[in-house]
């Protein structure tokens, strides 16, 4: 008849219990880590989407500003209108829609 011990578990039982506890803790930690990674990925994708939307709005505003400038338009007779057109050209140059050469050419056309 095998010898059966009562009371505290033996060395093998203690090792088995420790392995079960450690395995469970590792599995729970892995699930929690994957959950955090998925949340971080979702937040990153939302930020990228918002940045793309903002860039699309900036591009649309720049396109709208560029269509307001017509290179072949004749200058108006009023001095206030000429000043406003010069200011508009300067703002287009400052926003990067017009290059330096385009700005100078448009300014010369406007002043002549």
C-alpha atoms as a PDB file:
ATOM      1  CA  UNK A   1       0.000   0.000   0.000  1.00  0.00           C
ATOM      2  CA  UNK A   2       1.385   3.359  -0.976  1.00  0.00           C
ATOM      3  CA  UNK A   3       2.257   5.812   1.665  1.00  0.00           C
ATOM      4  CA  UNK A   4      -0.199   8.736   1.678  1.00  0.00           C
ATOM      5  CA  UNK A   5       0.681  11.942   3.380  1.00  0.00           C
ATOM      6  CA  UNK A   6      -1.849  14.211   5.046  1.00  0.00           C
ATOM      7  CA  UNK A   7      -1.300  17.889   5.733  1.00  0.00           C
ATOM      8  CA  UNK A   8       0.871  20.081   3.610  1.00  0.00           C
ATOM      9  CA  UNK A   9       1.453  19.042  -0.011  1.00  0.00           C
ATOM     10  CA  UNK A  10       4.667  17.407  -0.976  1.00  0.00           C
ATOM     11  CA  UNK A  11       7.356  18.868  -3.164  1.00  0.00           C
ATOM     12  CA  UNK A  12       5.696  17.723  -6.406  1.00  0.00           C
ATOM     13  CA  UNK A  13       2.307  19.090  -5.374  1.00  0.00           C
ATOM     14  CA  UNK A  14       3.866  22.429  -4.411  1.00  0.00           C
ATOM     15  CA  UNK A  15       5.703  22.629  -7.748  1.00  0.00           C
ATOM     16  CA  UNK A  16       2.501  21.799  -9.644  1.00  0.00           C
ATOM     17  CA  UNK A  17       0.507  24.456  -7.788  1.00  0.00           C
ATOM     18  CA  UNK A  18       3.236  27.037  -8.408  1.00  0.00           C
ATOM     19  CA  UNK A  19       3.269  26.178 -12.110  1.00  0.00           C
ATOM     20  CA  UNK A  20      -0.503  26.578 -12.378  1.00  0.00           C
ATOM     21  CA  UNK A  21      -0.437  29.955 -10.603  1.00  0.00           C
ATOM     22  CA  UNK A  22       2.481  31.198 -12.714  1.00  0.00           C
ATOM     23  CA  UNK A  23       0.840  30.016 -15.941  1.00  0.00           C
ATOM     24  CA  UNK A  24      -2.430  31.727 -15.059  1.00  0.00           C
ATOM     25  CA  UNK A  25      -0.632  34.977 -14.193  1.00  0.00           C
ATOM     26  CA  UNK A  26       1.271  34.888 -17.488  1.00  0.00           C
ATOM     27  CA  UNK A  27      -1.908  34.299 -19.474  1.00  0.00           C
ATOM     28  CA  UNK A  28      -3.734  37.155 -17.729  1.00  0.00           C
ATOM     29  CA  UNK A  29      -0.761  39.464 -18.242  1.00  0.00           C
ATOM     30  CA  UNK A  30      -0.650  38.589 -21.960  1.00  0.00           C
ATOM     31  CA  UNK A  31      -4.358  39.347 -22.391  1.00  0.00           C
ATOM     32  CA  UNK A  32      -3.995  42.674 -20.590  1.00  0.00           C
ATOM     33  CA  UNK A  33      -0.971  43.610 -22.720  1.00  0.00           C
ATOM     34  CA  UNK A  34      -2.786  42.790 -25.975  1.00  0.00           C
ATOM     35  CA  UNK A  35      -5.752  44.870 -24.818  1.00  0.00           C
ATOM     36  CA  UNK A  36      -3.489  47.878 -24.123  1.00  0.00           C
ATOM     37  CA  UNK A  37      -1.804  47.465 -27.513  1.00  0.00           C
ATOM     38  CA  UNK A  38      -5.178  47.395 -29.280  1.00  0.00           C
ATOM     39  CA  UNK A  39      -6.268  50.551 -27.451  1.00  0.00           C
ATOM     40  CA  UNK A  40      -3.011  52.315 -28.374  1.00  0.00           C
ATOM     41  CA  UNK A  41      -3.389  51.239 -32.023  1.00  0.00           C
ATOM     42  CA  UNK A  42      -6.976  52.511 -32.118  1.00  0.00           C
ATOM     43  CA  UNK A  43      -5.946  55.842 -30.635  1.00  0.00           C
ATOM     44  CA  UNK A  44      -3.079  56.139 -33.149  1.00  0.00           C
ATOM     45  CA  UNK A  45      -5.462  55.445 -36.036  1.00  0.00           C
ATOM     46  CA  UNK A  46      -7.903  58.081 -34.746  1.00  0.00           C
ATOM     47  CA  UNK A  47      -5.097  60.647 -34.528  1.00  0.00           C
ATOM     48  CA  UNK A  48      -3.960  59.823 -38.059  1.00  0.00           C
ATOM     49  CA  UNK A  49      -7.523  60.162 -39.354  1.00  0.00           C
ATOM     50  CA  UNK A  50      -7.913  63.546 -37.624  1.00  0.00           C
ATOM     51  CA  UNK A  51      -4.591  64.734 -39.048  1.00  0.00           C
ATOM     52  CA  UNK A  52      -5.632  63.644 -42.547  1.00  0.00           C
ATOM     53  CA  UNK A  53      -8.946  65.496 -42.174  1.00  0.00           C
ATOM     54  CA  UNK A  54      -7.144  68.635 -41.009  1.00  0.00           C
ATOM     55  CA  UNK A  55      -4.687  68.414 -43.919  1.00  0.00           C
ATOM     56  CA  UNK A  56      -7.605  68.023 -46.341  1.00  0.00           C
ATOM     57  CA  UNK A  57      -9.207  71.175 -44.905  1.00  0.00           C
ATOM     58  CA  UNK A  58      -5.926  73.082 -45.265  1.00  0.00           C
ATOM     59  CA  UNK A  59      -5.544  71.858 -48.853  1.00  0.00           C
ATOM     60  CA  UNK A  60      -9.126  72.887 -49.661  1.00  0.00           C
ATOM     61  CA  UNK A  61      -8.557  76.348 -48.166  1.00  0.00           C
ATOM     62  CA  UNK A  62      -5.360  76.762 -50.172  1.00  0.00           C
ATOM     63  CA  UNK A  63      -7.117  75.648 -53.342  1.00  0.00           C
ATOM     64  CA  UNK A  64      -9.946  78.069 -52.630  1.00  0.00           C
ATOM     65  CA  UNK A  65      -7.458  80.898 -52.092  1.00  0.00           C
ATOM     66  CA  UNK A  66      -5.645  80.004 -55.313  1.00  0.00           C
ATOM     67  CA  UNK A  67      -8.858  80.062 -57.351  1.00  0.00           C
ATOM     68  CA  UNK A  68      -9.640  83.553 -56.082  1.00  0.00           C
ATOM     69  CA  UNK A  69      -6.423  84.772 -57.693  1.00  0.00           C
ATOM     70  CA  UNK A  70      -6.888  85.155 -61.441  1.00  0.00           C
ATOM     71  CA  UNK A  71      -3.614  86.038 -63.218  1.00  0.00           C
ATOM     72  CA  UNK A  72      -5.264  87.566 -66.307  1.00  0.00           C
ATOM     73  CA  UNK A  73      -7.626  89.874 -64.415  1.00  0.00           C
ATOM     74  CA  UNK A  74      -7.306  93.593 -65.124  1.00  0.00           C
ATOM     75  CA  UNK A  75      -6.484  95.824 -62.141  1.00  0.00           C
ATOM     76  CA  UNK A  76      -9.344  97.897 -60.752  1.00  0.00           C
ATOM     77  CA  UNK A  77      -9.323 101.691 -60.939  1.00  0.00           C
ATOM     78  CA  UNK A  78      -9.651 102.322 -57.189  1.00  0.00           C
ATOM     79  CA  UNK A  79      -6.559 102.628 -54.981  1.00  0.00           C
ATOM     80  CA  UNK A  80      -8.245 100.682 -52.183  1.00  0.00           C
ATOM     81  CA  UNK A  81      -8.899  97.800 -54.541  1.00  0.00           C
ATOM     82  CA  UNK A  82      -5.257  97.776 -55.665  1.00  0.00           C
ATOM     83  CA  UNK A  83      -4.080  97.717 -52.061  1.00  0.00           C
ATOM     84  CA  UNK A  84      -6.440  94.870 -51.236  1.00  0.00           C
ATOM     85  CA  UNK A  85      -5.202  92.896 -54.254  1.00  0.00           C
ATOM     86  CA  UNK A  86      -1.586  93.486 -53.210  1.00  0.00           C
ATOM     87  CA  UNK A  87      -2.432  92.309 -49.706  1.00  0.00           C
ATOM     88  CA  UNK A  88      -4.155  89.256 -51.148  1.00  0.00           C
ATOM     89  CA  UNK A  89      -1.054  88.466 -53.232  1.00  0.00           C
ATOM     90  CA  UNK A  90       1.134  88.882 -50.151  1.00  0.00           C
ATOM     91  CA  UNK A  91      -1.073  86.542 -48.129  1.00  0.00           C
ATOM     92  CA  UNK A  92      -0.983  83.943 -50.922  1.00  0.00           C
ATOM     93  CA  UNK A  93       2.808  84.179 -50.970  1.00  0.00           C
ATOM     94  CA  UNK A  94       3.004  83.924 -47.167  1.00  0.00           C
ATOM     95  CA  UNK A  95       0.764  80.837 -47.146  1.00  0.00           C
ATOM     96  CA  UNK A  96       2.986  79.156 -49.744  1.00  0.00           C
ATOM     97  CA  UNK A  97       0.451  79.100 -52.587  1.00  0.00           C
ATOM     98  CA  UNK A  98       2.577  81.458 -54.695  1.00  0.00           C
ATOM     99  CA  UNK A  99       6.323  81.185 -55.142  1.00  0.00           C
ATOM    100  CA  UNK A 100       8.577  84.243 -55.072  1.00  0.00           C
ATOM    101  CA  UNK A 101       8.724  84.412 -58.889  1.00  0.00           C
ATOM    102  CA  UNK A 102       4.948  84.086 -59.255  1.00  0.00           C
ATOM    103  CA  UNK A 103       4.441  86.775 -56.630  1.00  0.00           C
ATOM    104  CA  UNK A 104       6.790  89.216 -58.379  1.00  0.00           C
ATOM    105  CA  UNK A 105       5.166  88.553 -61.773  1.00  0.00           C
ATOM    106  CA  UNK A 106       1.641  89.006 -60.401  1.00  0.00           C
ATOM    107  CA  UNK A 107       2.669  92.175 -58.559  1.00  0.00           C
ATOM    108  CA  UNK A 108       4.225  93.649 -61.717  1.00  0.00           C
ATOM    109  CA  UNK A 109       1.104  92.796 -63.711  1.00  0.00           C
ATOM    110  CA  UNK A 110      -1.069  94.395 -61.043  1.00  0.00           C
ATOM    111  CA  UNK A 111       1.012  97.582 -60.822  1.00  0.00           C
ATOM    112  CA  UNK A 112       1.302  98.077 -64.589  1.00  0.00           C
END
